[in-house]
Amino acid sequence: MSNTQIYQLHKTYNLLYHSNVDYGSNINAMQTPVRLHIEEQKTRNMLSDLENKIAKWTQVAQDRHYDEECPICYEGIRINNYIVPSCGHKICLGCYKSCILSKSPCANNCCLCKGTIL
């Protein structure tokens, strides 16, 4: 092979090599927006899932405020509106006040088992 042919081959090789490198960087340049879009969509999906979980947990927490009923009036018992006498029955404050304020002889007794409240 002559020096001219070797030079032409080397020149062609360099041209193809740099074209391939440019093509590869163009592919990366095209893939970057696609990757960003995919990552953005994943982030939106995760955010949506978290919002749904928060809404569900909030509902569960609100439902837990009324997880029991007063055995006397059947109203929901909240976390902060009941009394538990020594007998262990859970009574809402409204029924407890009605029982205590009544002038009956059993005013100091549990409405369910007649055990002493105070």
PDB file of N, CA and C in Angstrom:
ATOM      1  N   MET A   1       0.840  -1.162   0.000  1.00  0.00           N
ATOM      2  CA  MET A   1       0.000   0.000   0.000  1.00  0.00           C
ATOM      3  C   MET A   1       0.895   1.238   0.000  1.00  0.00           C
ATOM      4  N   SER A   2       0.490   2.192  -0.777  1.00  0.00           N
ATOM      5  CA  SER A   2       1.289   3.411  -0.877  1.00  0.00           C
ATOM      6  C   SER A   2       0.949   4.354   0.272  1.00  0.00           C
ATOM      7  N   ASN A   3       1.798   5.318   0.453  1.00  0.00           N
ATOM      8  CA  ASN A   3       1.571   6.311   1.501  1.00  0.00           C
ATOM      9  C   ASN A   3       0.290   7.094   1.255  1.00  0.00           C
ATOM     10  N   THR A   4      -0.040   7.352   0.014  1.00  0.00           N
ATOM     11  CA  THR A   4      -1.253   8.074  -0.337  1.00  0.00           C
ATOM     12  C   THR A   4      -2.481   7.260   0.048  1.00  0.00           C
ATOM     13  N   GLN A   5      -2.453   5.978  -0.212  1.00  0.00           N
ATOM     14  CA  GLN A   5      -3.589   5.113   0.145  1.00  0.00           C
ATOM     15  C   GLN A   5      -3.725   5.017   1.669  1.00  0.00           C
ATOM     16  N   ILE A   6      -2.590   4.893   2.340  1.00  0.00           N
ATOM     17  CA  ILE A   6      -2.625   4.830   3.816  1.00  0.00           C
ATOM     18  C   ILE A   6      -3.195   6.139   4.365  1.00  0.00           C
ATOM     19  N   TYR A   7      -2.782   7.247   3.792  1.00  0.00           N
ATOM     20  CA  TYR A   7      -3.275   8.545   4.226  1.00  0.00           C
ATOM     21  C   TYR A   7      -4.783   8.655   3.994  1.00  0.00           C
ATOM     22  N   GLN A   8      -5.254   8.201   2.840  1.00  0.00           N
ATOM     23  CA  GLN A   8      -6.683   8.235   2.516  1.00  0.00           C
ATOM     24  C   GLN A   8      -7.481   7.335   3.473  1.00  0.00           C
ATOM     25  N   LEU A   9      -6.956   6.150   3.761  1.00  0.00           N
ATOM     26  CA  LEU A   9      -7.620   5.248   4.718  1.00  0.00           C
ATOM     27  C   LEU A   9      -7.680   5.875   6.109  1.00  0.00           C
ATOM     28  N   HIS A  10      -6.577   6.475   6.518  1.00  0.00           N
ATOM     29  CA  HIS A  10      -6.527   7.117   7.837  1.00  0.00           C
ATOM     30  C   HIS A  10      -7.518   8.279   7.903  1.00  0.00           C
ATOM     31  N   LYS A  11      -7.575   9.057   6.838  1.00  0.00           N
ATOM     32  CA  LYS A  11      -8.505  10.181   6.759  1.00  0.00           C
ATOM     33  C   LYS A  11      -9.955   9.688   6.800  1.00  0.00           C
ATOM     34  N   THR A  12     -10.257   8.638   6.054  1.00  0.00           N
ATOM     35  CA  THR A  12     -11.608   8.063   6.043  1.00  0.00           C
ATOM     36  C   THR A  12     -11.969   7.505   7.422  1.00  0.00           C
ATOM     37  N   TYR A  13     -11.007   6.838   8.046  1.00  0.00           N
ATOM     38  CA  TYR A  13     -11.232   6.292   9.389  1.00  0.00           C
ATOM     39  C   TYR A  13     -11.562   7.413  10.372  1.00  0.00           C
ATOM     40  N   ASN A  14     -10.762   8.475  10.362  1.00  0.00           N
ATOM     41  CA  ASN A  14     -11.006   9.608  11.262  1.00  0.00           C
ATOM     42  C   ASN A  14     -12.370  10.237  11.005  1.00  0.00           C
ATOM     43  N   LEU A  15     -12.720  10.366   9.738  1.00  0.00           N
ATOM     44  CA  LEU A  15     -14.020  10.938   9.388  1.00  0.00           C
ATOM     45  C   LEU A  15     -15.159  10.069   9.926  1.00  0.00           C
ATOM     46  N   LEU A  16     -15.067   8.763   9.725  1.00  0.00           N
ATOM     47  CA  LEU A  16     -16.092   7.842  10.231  1.00  0.00           C
ATOM     48  C   LEU A  16     -16.123   7.827  11.760  1.00  0.00           C
ATOM     49  N   TYR A  17     -14.952   7.848  12.368  1.00  0.00           N
ATOM     50  CA  TYR A  17     -14.884   7.818  13.834  1.00  0.00           C
ATOM     51  C   TYR A  17     -15.561   9.052  14.427  1.00  0.00           C
ATOM     52  N   HIS A  18     -15.223  10.228  13.913  1.00  0.00           N
ATOM     53  CA  HIS A  18     -15.811  11.462  14.446  1.00  0.00           C
ATOM     54  C   HIS A  18     -17.298  11.566  14.125  1.00  0.00           C
ATOM     55  N   SER A  19     -17.699  11.034  12.988  1.00  0.00           N
ATOM     56  CA  SER A  19     -19.132  11.013  12.669  1.00  0.00           C
ATOM     57  C   SER A  19     -19.880  10.131  13.660  1.00  0.00           C
ATOM     58  N   ASN A  20     -19.279   9.003  13.986  1.00  0.00           N
ATOM     59  CA  ASN A  20     -19.889   8.083  14.940  1.00  0.00           C
ATOM     60  C   ASN A  20     -19.949   8.709  16.330  1.00  0.00           C
ATOM     61  N   VAL A  21     -18.884   9.395  16.743  1.00  0.00           N
ATOM     62  CA  VAL A  21     -18.873  10.068  18.045  1.00  0.00           C
ATOM     63  C   VAL A  21     -19.950  11.139  18.077  1.00  0.00           C
ATOM     64  N   ASP A  22     -20.058  11.925  17.010  1.00  0.00           N
ATOM     65  CA  ASP A  22     -21.093  12.955  16.949  1.00  0.00           C
ATOM     66  C   ASP A  22     -22.481  12.332  16.976  1.00  0.00           C
ATOM     67  N   TYR A  23     -22.642  11.215  16.274  1.00  0.00           N
ATOM     68  CA  TYR A  23     -23.928  10.520  16.264  1.00  0.00           C
ATOM     69  C   TYR A  23     -24.277  10.036  17.667  1.00  0.00           C
ATOM     70  N   GLY A  24     -23.277   9.495  18.363  1.00  0.00           N
ATOM     71  CA  GLY A  24     -23.509   9.026  19.731  1.00  0.00           C
ATOM     72  C   GLY A  24     -23.898  10.156  20.657  1.00  0.00           C
ATOM     73  N   SER A  25     -23.245  11.308  20.536  1.00  0.00           N
ATOM     74  CA  SER A  25     -23.608  12.427  21.401  1.00  0.00           C
ATOM     75  C   SER A  25     -24.972  12.984  21.028  1.00  0.00           C
ATOM     76  N   ASN A  26     -25.346  12.887  19.740  1.00  0.00           N
ATOM     77  CA  ASN A  26     -26.691  13.311  19.343  1.00  0.00           C
ATOM     78  C   ASN A  26     -27.746  12.401  19.959  1.00  0.00           C
ATOM     79  N   ILE A  27     -27.450  11.108  19.997  1.00  0.00           N
ATOM     80  CA  ILE A  27     -28.383  10.172  20.631  1.00  0.00           C
ATOM     81  C   ILE A  27     -28.538  10.524  22.104  1.00  0.00           C
ATOM     82  N   ASN A  28     -27.415  10.792  22.782  1.00  0.00           N
ATOM     83  CA  ASN A  28     -27.486  11.175  24.191  1.00  0.00           C
ATOM     84  C   ASN A  28     -28.271  12.467  24.365  1.00  0.00           C
ATOM     85  N   ALA A  29     -28.061  13.409  23.447  1.00  0.00           N
ATOM     86  CA  ALA A  29     -28.793  14.672  23.520  1.00  0.00           C
ATOM     87  C   ALA A  29     -30.286  14.448  23.326  1.00  0.00           C
ATOM     88  N   MET A  30     -30.654  13.479  22.485  1.00  0.00           N
ATOM     89  CA  MET A  30     -32.071  13.181  22.275  1.00  0.00           C
ATOM     90  C   MET A  30     -32.642  12.397  23.453  1.00  0.00           C
ATOM     91  N   GLN A  31     -31.827  11.542  24.060  1.00  0.00           N
ATOM     92  CA  GLN A  31     -32.315  10.715  25.155  1.00  0.00           C
ATOM     93  C   GLN A  31     -32.523  11.526  26.428  1.00  0.00           C
ATOM     94  N   THR A  32     -31.753  12.588  26.625  1.00  0.00           N
ATOM     95  CA  THR A  32     -31.852  13.366  27.852  1.00  0.00           C
ATOM     96  C   THR A  32     -33.258  13.919  28.077  1.00  0.00           C
ATOM     97  N   PRO A  33     -33.903  14.576  27.104  1.00  0.00           N
ATOM     98  CA  PRO A  33     -35.273  15.045  27.344  1.00  0.00           C
ATOM     99  C   PRO A  33     -36.248  13.901  27.612  1.00  0.00           C
ATOM    100  N   VAL A  34     -36.046  12.780  26.943  1.00  0.00           N
ATOM    101  CA  VAL A  34     -36.921  11.629  27.166  1.00  0.00           C
ATOM    102  C   VAL A  34     -36.738  11.115  28.589  1.00  0.00           C
ATOM    103  N   ARG A  35     -35.485  11.011  29.016  1.00  0.00           N
ATOM    104  CA  ARG A  35     -35.216  10.566  30.393  1.00  0.00           C
ATOM    105  C   ARG A  35     -35.827  11.526  31.401  1.00  0.00           C
ATOM    106  N   LEU A  36     -35.660  12.827  31.151  1.00  0.00           N
ATOM    107  CA  LEU A  36     -36.238  13.818  32.057  1.00  0.00           C
ATOM    108  C   LEU A  36     -37.753  13.679  32.121  1.00  0.00           C
ATOM    109  N   HIS A  37     -38.380  13.460  30.987  1.00  0.00           N
ATOM    110  CA  HIS A  37     -39.837  13.284  30.956  1.00  0.00           C
ATOM    111  C   HIS A  37     -40.247  12.045  31.757  1.00  0.00           C
ATOM    112  N   ILE A  38     -39.504  10.961  31.579  1.00  0.00           N
ATOM    113  CA  ILE A  38     -39.813   9.721  32.307  1.00  0.00           C
ATOM    114  C   ILE A  38     -39.635   9.936  33.805  1.00  0.00           C
ATOM    115  N   GLU A  39     -38.536  10.586  34.207  1.00  0.00           N
ATOM    116  CA  GLU A  39     -38.299  10.845  35.630  1.00  0.00           C
ATOM    117  C   GLU A  39     -39.367  11.772  36.202  1.00  0.00           C
ATOM    118  N   GLU A  40     -39.766  12.765  35.427  1.00  0.00           N
ATOM    119  CA  GLU A  40     -40.819  13.674  35.866  1.00  0.00           C
ATOM    120  C   GLU A  40     -42.134  12.922  36.062  1.00  0.00           C
ATOM    121  N   GLN A  41     -42.448  12.023  35.149  1.00  0.00           N
ATOM    122  CA  GLN A  41     -43.675  11.232  35.261  1.00  0.00           C
ATOM    123  C   GLN A  41     -43.619  10.317  36.478  1.00  0.00           C
ATOM    124  N   LYS A  42     -42.461   9.698  36.713  1.00  0.00           N
ATOM    125  CA  LYS A  42     -42.303   8.842  37.896  1.00  0.00           C
ATOM    126  C   LYS A  42     -42.503   9.654  39.171  1.00  0.00           C
ATOM    127  N   THR A  43     -41.925  10.862  39.199  1.00  0.00           N
ATOM    128  CA  THR A  43     -42.063  11.724  40.369  1.00  0.00           C
ATOM    129  C   THR A  43     -43.521  12.117  40.577  1.00  0.00           C
ATOM    130  N   ARG A  44     -44.214  12.442  39.500  1.00  0.00           N
ATOM    131  CA  ARG A  44     -45.641  12.784  39.616  1.00  0.00           C
ATOM    132  C   ARG A  44     -46.452  11.598  40.134  1.00  0.00           C
ATOM    133  N   ASN A  45     -46.146  10.409  39.639  1.00  0.00           N
ATOM    134  CA  ASN A  45     -46.855   9.211  40.100  1.00  0.00           C
ATOM    135  C   ASN A  45     -46.603   8.965  41.583  1.00  0.00           C
ATOM    136  N   MET A  46     -45.344   9.120  42.009  1.00  0.00           N
ATOM    137  CA  MET A  46     -45.026   8.923  43.428  1.00  0.00           C
ATOM    138  C   MET A  46     -45.734   9.963  44.281  1.00  0.00           C
ATOM    139  N   LEU A  47     -45.770  11.219  43.820  1.00  0.00           N
ATOM    140  CA  LEU A  47     -46.456  12.274  44.548  1.00  0.00           C
ATOM    141  C   LEU A  47     -47.945  11.979  44.649  1.00  0.00           C
ATOM    142  N   SER A  48     -48.528  11.515  43.570  1.00  0.00           N
ATOM    143  CA  SER A  48     -49.945  11.154  43.577  1.00  0.00           C
ATOM    144  C   SER A  48     -50.210  10.009  44.554  1.00  0.00           C
ATOM    145  N   ASP A  49     -49.336   9.004  44.549  1.00  0.00           N
ATOM    146  CA  ASP A  49     -49.478   7.889  45.489  1.00  0.00           C
ATOM    147  C   ASP A  49     -49.386   8.379  46.930  1.00  0.00           C
ATOM    148  N   LEU A  50     -48.437   9.280  47.195  1.00  0.00           N
ATOM    149  CA  LEU A  50     -48.295   9.819  48.549  1.00  0.00           C
ATOM    150  C   LEU A  50     -49.526  10.617  48.958  1.00  0.00           C
ATOM    151  N   GLU A  51     -50.056  11.420  48.046  1.00  0.00           N
ATOM    152  CA  GLU A  51     -51.265  12.183  48.352  1.00  0.00           C
ATOM    153  C   GLU A  51     -52.429  11.250  48.664  1.00  0.00           C
ATOM    154  N   ASN A  52     -52.557  10.170  47.912  1.00  0.00           N
ATOM    155  CA  ASN A  52     -53.618   9.193  48.174  1.00  0.00           C
ATOM    156  C   ASN A  52     -53.430   8.535  49.530  1.00  0.00           C
ATOM    157  N   LYS A  53     -52.188   8.175  49.871  1.00  0.00           N
ATOM    158  CA  LYS A  53     -51.925   7.556  51.170  1.00  0.00           C
ATOM    159  C   LYS A  53     -52.216   8.523  52.306  1.00  0.00           C
ATOM    160  N   ILE A  54     -51.828   9.791  52.138  1.00  0.00           N
ATOM    161  CA  ILE A  54     -52.100  10.792  53.173  1.00  0.00           C
ATOM    162  C   ILE A  54     -53.602  10.954  53.357  1.00  0.00           C
ATOM    163  N   ALA A  55     -54.344  11.013  52.262  1.00  0.00           N
ATOM    164  CA  ALA A  55     -55.803  11.136  52.353  1.00  0.00           C
ATOM    165  C   ALA A  55     -56.399   9.925  53.062  1.00  0.00           C
ATOM    166  N   LYS A  56     -55.890   8.738  52.744  1.00  0.00           N
ATOM    167  CA  LYS A  56     -56.389   7.516  53.377  1.00  0.00           C
ATOM    168  C   LYS A  56     -56.069   7.515  54.869  1.00  0.00           C
ATOM    169  N   TRP A  57     -54.833   7.880  55.219  1.00  0.00           N
ATOM    170  CA  TRP A  57     -54.441   7.900  56.632  1.00  0.00           C
ATOM    171  C   TRP A  57     -55.222   8.958  57.409  1.00  0.00           C
ATOM    172  N   THR A  58     -55.490  10.103  56.758  1.00  0.00           N
ATOM    173  CA  THR A  58     -56.286  11.139  57.404  1.00  0.00           C
ATOM    174  C   THR A  58     -57.690  10.620  57.682  1.00  0.00           C
ATOM    175  N   GLN A  59     -58.263   9.921  56.719  1.00  0.00           N
ATOM    176  CA  GLN A  59     -59.603   9.355  56.906  1.00  0.00           C
ATOM    177  C   GLN A  59     -59.600   8.312  58.015  1.00  0.00           C
ATOM    178  N   VAL A  60     -58.578   7.468  58.037  1.00  0.00           N
ATOM    179  CA  VAL A  60     -58.473   6.451  59.089  1.00  0.00           C
ATOM    180  C   VAL A  60     -58.354   7.125  60.452  1.00  0.00           C
ATOM    181  N   ALA A  61     -57.543   8.191  60.524  1.00  0.00           N
ATOM    182  CA  ALA A  61     -57.377   8.903  61.794  1.00  0.00           C
ATOM    183  C   ALA A  61     -58.696   9.530  62.235  1.00  0.00           C
ATOM    184  N   GLN A  62     -59.440  10.094  61.286  1.00  0.00           N
ATOM    185  CA  GLN A  62     -60.737  10.675  61.633  1.00  0.00           C
ATOM    186  C   GLN A  62     -61.721   9.595  62.059  1.00  0.00           C
ATOM    187  N   ASP A  63     -61.689   8.458  61.398  1.00  0.00           N
ATOM    188  CA  ASP A  63     -62.583   7.363  61.760  1.00  0.00           C
ATOM    189  C   ASP A  63     -62.248   6.809  63.140  1.00  0.00           C
ATOM    190  N   ARG A  64     -60.989   6.865  63.518  1.00  0.00           N
ATOM    191  CA  ARG A  64     -60.589   6.327  64.818  1.00  0.00           C
ATOM    192  C   ARG A  64     -61.140   7.174  65.958  1.00  0.00           C
ATOM    193  N   HIS A  65     -61.445   8.447  65.667  1.00  0.00           N
ATOM    194  CA  HIS A  65     -62.046   9.287  66.698  1.00  0.00           C
ATOM    195  C   HIS A  65     -63.413   8.740  67.095  1.00  0.00           C
ATOM    196  N   TYR A  66     -64.044   8.013  66.208  1.00  0.00           N
ATOM    197  CA  TYR A  66     -65.369   7.464  66.452  1.00  0.00           C
ATOM    198  C   TYR A  66     -65.365   5.946  66.340  1.00  0.00           C
ATOM    199  N   ASP A  67     -64.290   5.318  66.788  1.00  0.00           N
ATOM    200  CA  ASP A  67     -64.202   3.875  66.579  1.00  0.00           C
ATOM    201  C   ASP A  67     -65.074   3.072  67.537  1.00  0.00           C
ATOM    202  N   GLU A  68     -65.619   3.729  68.556  1.00  0.00           N
ATOM    203  CA  GLU A  68     -66.506   3.025  69.483  1.00  0.00           C
ATOM    204  C   GLU A  68     -67.782   3.828  69.674  1.00  0.00           C
ATOM    205  N   GLU A  69     -68.816   3.143  70.098  1.00  0.00           N
ATOM    206  CA  GLU A  69     -70.088   3.805  70.389  1.00  0.00           C
ATOM    207  C   GLU A  69     -70.346   3.741  71.883  1.00  0.00           C
ATOM    208  N   CYS A  70     -70.994   4.763  72.375  1.00  0.00           N
ATOM    209  CA  CYS A  70     -71.436   4.746  73.765  1.00  0.00           C
ATOM    210  C   CYS A  70     -72.516   3.669  73.878  1.00  0.00           C
ATOM    211  N   PRO A  71     -72.404   2.763  74.835  1.00  0.00           N
ATOM    212  CA  PRO A  71     -73.390   1.693  74.962  1.00  0.00           C
ATOM    213  C   PRO A  71     -74.756   2.177  75.459  1.00  0.00           C
ATOM    214  N   ILE A  72     -74.835   3.442  75.852  1.00  0.00           N
ATOM    215  CA  ILE A  72     -76.102   3.966  76.364  1.00  0.00           C
ATOM    216  C   ILE A  72     -76.859   4.723  75.270  1.00  0.00           C
ATOM    217  N   CYS A  73     -76.186   5.706  74.658  1.00  0.00           N
ATOM    218  CA  CYS A  73     -76.862   6.532  73.649  1.00  0.00           C
ATOM    219  C   CYS A  73     -76.503   6.134  72.214  1.00  0.00           C
ATOM    220  N   TYR A  74     -75.540   5.262  72.031  1.00  0.00           N
ATOM    221  CA  TYR A  74     -75.079   4.767  70.729  1.00  0.00           C
ATOM    222  C   TYR A  74     -74.472   5.852  69.835  1.00  0.00           C
ATOM    223  N   GLU A  75     -74.060   6.958  70.424  1.00  0.00           N
ATOM    224  CA  GLU A  75     -73.335   7.991  69.681  1.00  0.00           C
ATOM    225  C   GLU A  75     -71.861   7.598  69.628  1.00  0.00           C
ATOM    226  N   GLY A  76     -71.157   8.128  68.630  1.00  0.00           N
ATOM    227  CA  GLY A  76     -69.727   7.850  68.524  1.00  0.00           C
ATOM    228  C   GLY A  76     -68.971   8.448  69.694  1.00  0.00           C
ATOM    229  N   ILE A  77     -68.047   7.685  70.231  1.00  0.00           N
ATOM    230  CA  ILE A  77     -67.214   8.167  71.331  1.00  0.00           C
ATOM    231  C   ILE A  77     -65.914   8.693  70.742  1.00  0.00           C
ATOM    232  N   ARG A  78     -65.616   9.953  71.022  1.00  0.00           N
ATOM    233  CA  ARG A  78     -64.361  10.545  70.569  1.00  0.00           C
ATOM    234  C   ARG A  78     -63.266  10.246  71.586  1.00  0.00           C
ATOM    235  N   ILE A  79     -62.063  10.521  71.165  1.00  0.00           N
ATOM    236  CA  ILE A  79     -60.917  10.239  72.028  1.00  0.00           C
ATOM    237  C   ILE A  79     -60.982  11.044  73.319  1.00  0.00           C
ATOM    238  N   ASN A  80     -61.516  12.250  73.266  1.00  0.00           N
ATOM    239  CA  ASN A  80     -61.473  13.126  74.432  1.00  0.00           C
ATOM    240  C   ASN A  80     -62.839  13.381  75.070  1.00  0.00           C
ATOM    241  N   ASN A  81     -63.857  12.563  74.810  1.00  0.00           N
ATOM    242  CA  ASN A  81     -65.172  12.838  75.408  1.00  0.00           C
ATOM    243  C   ASN A  81     -65.796  11.606  76.059  1.00  0.00           C
ATOM    244  N   TYR A  82     -65.026  10.886  76.852  1.00  0.00           N
ATOM    245  CA  TYR A  82     -65.587   9.719  77.535  1.00  0.00           C
ATOM    246  C   TYR A  82     -64.937   9.549  78.903  1.00  0.00           C
ATOM    247  N   ILE A  83     -65.547   8.713  79.679  1.00  0.00           N
ATOM    248  CA  ILE A  83     -65.018   8.359  80.994  1.00  0.00           C
ATOM    249  C   ILE A  83     -65.038   6.837  81.096  1.00  0.00           C
ATOM    250  N   VAL A  84     -64.063   6.309  81.820  1.00  0.00           N
ATOM    251  CA  VAL A  84     -64.011   4.869  82.058  1.00  0.00           C
ATOM    252  C   VAL A  84     -64.050   4.671  83.572  1.00  0.00           C
ATOM    253  N   PRO A  85     -65.203   4.275  84.108  1.00  0.00           N
ATOM    254  CA  PRO A  85     -65.285   4.018  85.544  1.00  0.00           C
ATOM    255  C   PRO A  85     -64.451   2.794  85.929  1.00  0.00           C
ATOM    256  N   SER A  86     -64.382   2.522  87.208  1.00  0.00           N
ATOM    257  CA  SER A  86     -63.555   1.403  87.691  1.00  0.00           C
ATOM    258  C   SER A  86     -64.012   0.057  87.130  1.00  0.00           C
ATOM    259  N   CYS A  87     -65.249  -0.040  86.673  1.00  0.00           N
ATOM    260  CA  CYS A  87     -65.733  -1.297  86.099  1.00  0.00           C
ATOM    261  C   CYS A  87     -65.180  -1.536  84.694  1.00  0.00           C
ATOM    262  N   GLY A  88     -64.653  -0.466  84.035  1.00  0.00           N
ATOM    263  CA  GLY A  88     -64.037  -0.624  82.724  1.00  0.00           C
ATOM    264  C   GLY A  88     -64.929  -0.301  81.544  1.00  0.00           C
ATOM    265  N   HIS A  89     -66.203   0.001  81.776  1.00  0.00           N
ATOM    266  CA  HIS A  89     -67.079   0.368  80.662  1.00  0.00           C
ATOM    267  C   HIS A  89     -66.751   1.781  80.198  1.00  0.00           C
ATOM    268  N   LYS A  90     -66.770   1.994  78.908  1.00  0.00           N
ATOM    269  CA  LYS A  90     -66.499   3.315  78.347  1.00  0.00           C
ATOM    270  C   LYS A  90     -67.839   3.992  78.095  1.00  0.00           C
ATOM    271  N   ILE A  91     -68.044   5.167  78.719  1.00  0.00           N
ATOM    272  CA  ILE A  91     -69.309   5.892  78.630  1.00  0.00           C
ATOM    273  C   ILE A  91     -69.006   7.313  78.158  1.00  0.00           C
ATOM    274  N   CYS A  92     -69.809   7.836  77.237  1.00  0.00           N
ATOM    275  CA  CYS A  92     -69.582   9.207  76.774  1.00  0.00           C
ATOM    276  C   CYS A  92     -69.884  10.185  77.909  1.00  0.00           C
ATOM    277  N   LEU A  93     -69.262  11.356  77.848  1.00  0.00           N
ATOM    278  CA  LEU A  93     -69.428  12.338  78.921  1.00  0.00           C
ATOM    279  C   LEU A  93     -70.870  12.811  79.057  1.00  0.00           C
ATOM    280  N   GLY A  94     -71.601  12.892  77.946  1.00  0.00           N
ATOM    281  CA  GLY A  94     -73.005  13.319  78.018  1.00  0.00           C
ATOM    282  C   GLY A  94     -73.835  12.376  78.878  1.00  0.00           C
ATOM    283  N   CYS A  95     -73.689  11.081  78.651  1.00  0.00           N
ATOM    284  CA  CYS A  95     -74.437  10.099  79.445  1.00  0.00           C
ATOM    285  C   CYS A  95     -73.934  10.072  80.889  1.00  0.00           C
ATOM    286  N   TYR A  96     -72.648  10.237  81.071  1.00  0.00           N
ATOM    287  CA  TYR A  96     -72.079  10.258  82.423  1.00  0.00           C
ATOM    288  C   TYR A  96     -72.649  11.438  83.209  1.00  0.00           C
ATOM    289  N   LYS A  97     -72.690  12.622  82.578  1.00  0.00           N
ATOM    290  CA  LYS A  97     -73.236  13.803  83.252  1.00  0.00           C
ATOM    291  C   LYS A  97     -74.714  13.600  83.575  1.00  0.00           C
ATOM    292  N   SER A  98     -75.458  13.039  82.613  1.00  0.00           N
ATOM    293  CA  SER A  98     -76.887  12.789  82.856  1.00  0.00           C
ATOM    294  C   SER A  98     -77.080  11.852  84.035  1.00  0.00           C
ATOM    295  N   CYS A  99     -76.245  10.834  84.115  1.00  0.00           N
ATOM    296  CA  CYS A  99     -76.350   9.851  85.196  1.00  0.00           C
ATOM    297  C   CYS A  99     -76.014  10.493  86.543  1.00  0.00           C
ATOM    298  N   ILE A 100     -74.918  11.236  86.593  1.00  0.00           N
ATOM    299  CA  ILE A 100     -74.469  11.847  87.844  1.00  0.00           C
ATOM    300  C   ILE A 100     -75.447  12.926  88.306  1.00  0.00           C
ATOM    301  N   LEU A 101     -75.959  13.726  87.364  1.00  0.00           N
ATOM    302  CA  LEU A 101     -76.845  14.828  87.728  1.00  0.00           C
ATOM    303  C   LEU A 101     -78.269  14.376  88.037  1.00  0.00           C
ATOM    304  N   SER A 102     -78.586  13.152  87.691  1.00  0.00           N
ATOM    305  CA  SER A 102     -79.932  12.671  88.018  1.00  0.00           C
ATOM    306  C   SER A 102     -80.037  12.496  89.532  1.00  0.00           C
ATOM    307  N   LYS A 103     -81.189  12.657  90.040  1.00  0.00           N
ATOM    308  CA  LYS A 103     -81.399  12.567  91.494  1.00  0.00           C
ATOM    309  C   LYS A 103     -81.771  11.159  91.930  1.00  0.00           C
ATOM    310  N   SER A 104     -81.591  10.206  91.040  1.00  0.00           N
ATOM    311  CA  SER A 104     -81.971   8.828  91.374  1.00  0.00           C
ATOM    312  C   SER A 104     -80.967   8.229  92.355  1.00  0.00           C
ATOM    313  N   PRO A 105     -81.361   7.189  93.072  1.00  0.00           N
ATOM    314  CA  PRO A 105     -80.475   6.557  94.048  1.00  0.00           C
ATOM    315  C   PRO A 105     -79.251   5.891  93.400  1.00  0.00           C
ATOM    316  N   CYS A 106     -79.331   5.573  92.117  1.00  0.00           N
ATOM    317  CA  CYS A 106     -78.199   4.917  91.448  1.00  0.00           C
ATOM    318  C   CYS A 106     -77.407   5.897  90.595  1.00  0.00           C
ATOM    319  N   ALA A 107     -77.407   7.191  90.954  1.00  0.00           N
ATOM    320  CA  ALA A 107     -76.732   8.214  90.160  1.00  0.00           C
ATOM    321  C   ALA A 107     -75.222   8.008  90.119  1.00  0.00           C
ATOM    322  N   ASN A 108     -74.650   7.382  91.121  1.00  0.00           N
ATOM    323  CA  ASN A 108     -73.210   7.170  91.179  1.00  0.00           C
ATOM    324  C   ASN A 108     -72.826   5.779  90.682  1.00  0.00           C
ATOM    325  N   ASN A 109     -73.728   5.128  89.971  1.00  0.00           N
ATOM    326  CA  ASN A 109     -73.457   3.773  89.482  1.00  0.00           C
ATOM    327  C   ASN A 109     -73.352   3.757  87.960  1.00  0.00           C
ATOM    328  N   CYS A 110     -72.578   2.807  87.455  1.00  0.00           N
ATOM    329  CA  CYS A 110     -72.454   2.606  86.007  1.00  0.00           C
ATOM    330  C   CYS A 110     -73.821   2.219  85.462  1.00  0.00           C
ATOM    331  N   CYS A 111     -74.180   2.805  84.355  1.00  0.00           N
ATOM    332  CA  CYS A 111     -75.482   2.537  83.750  1.00  0.00           C
ATOM    333  C   CYS A 111     -75.588   1.121  83.194  1.00  0.00           C
ATOM    334  N   LEU A 112     -74.468   0.455  83.007  1.00  0.00           N
ATOM    335  CA  LEU A 112     -74.485  -0.882  82.423  1.00  0.00           C
ATOM    336  C   LEU A 112     -74.450  -1.981  83.472  1.00  0.00           C
ATOM    337  N   CYS A 113     -73.513  -1.856  84.415  1.00  0.00           N
ATOM    338  CA  CYS A 113     -73.353  -2.949  85.380  1.00  0.00           C
ATOM    339  C   CYS A 113     -73.709  -2.545  86.807  1.00  0.00           C
ATOM    340  N   LYS A 114     -74.063  -1.297  86.992  1.00  0.00           N
ATOM    341  CA  LYS A 114     -74.450  -0.747  88.298  1.00  0.00           C
ATOM    342  C   LYS A 114     -73.286  -0.696  89.292  1.00  0.00           C
ATOM    343  N   GLY A 115     -72.046  -0.822  88.772  1.00  0.00           N
ATOM    344  CA  GLY A 115     -70.872  -0.657  89.636  1.00  0.00           C
ATOM    345  C   GLY A 115     -70.690   0.815  89.985  1.00  0.00           C
ATOM    346  N   THR A 116     -70.017   1.091  91.083  1.00  0.00           N
ATOM    347  CA  THR A 116     -69.809   2.464  91.548  1.00  0.00           C
ATOM    348  C   THR A 116     -68.875   3.209  90.589  1.00  0.00           C
ATOM    349  N   ILE A 117     -69.292   4.431  90.212  1.00  0.00           N
ATOM    350  CA  ILE A 117     -68.482   5.240  89.294  1.00  0.00           C
ATOM    351  C   ILE A 117     -67.415   6.005  90.059  1.00  0.00           C
ATOM    352  N   LEU A 118     -67.797   6.714  91.079  1.00  0.00           N
ATOM    353  CA  LEU A 118     -66.842   7.525  91.851  1.00  0.00           C
ATOM    354  C   LEU A 118     -66.500   6.869  93.162  1.00  0.00           C
TER     355      LEU A 118
END
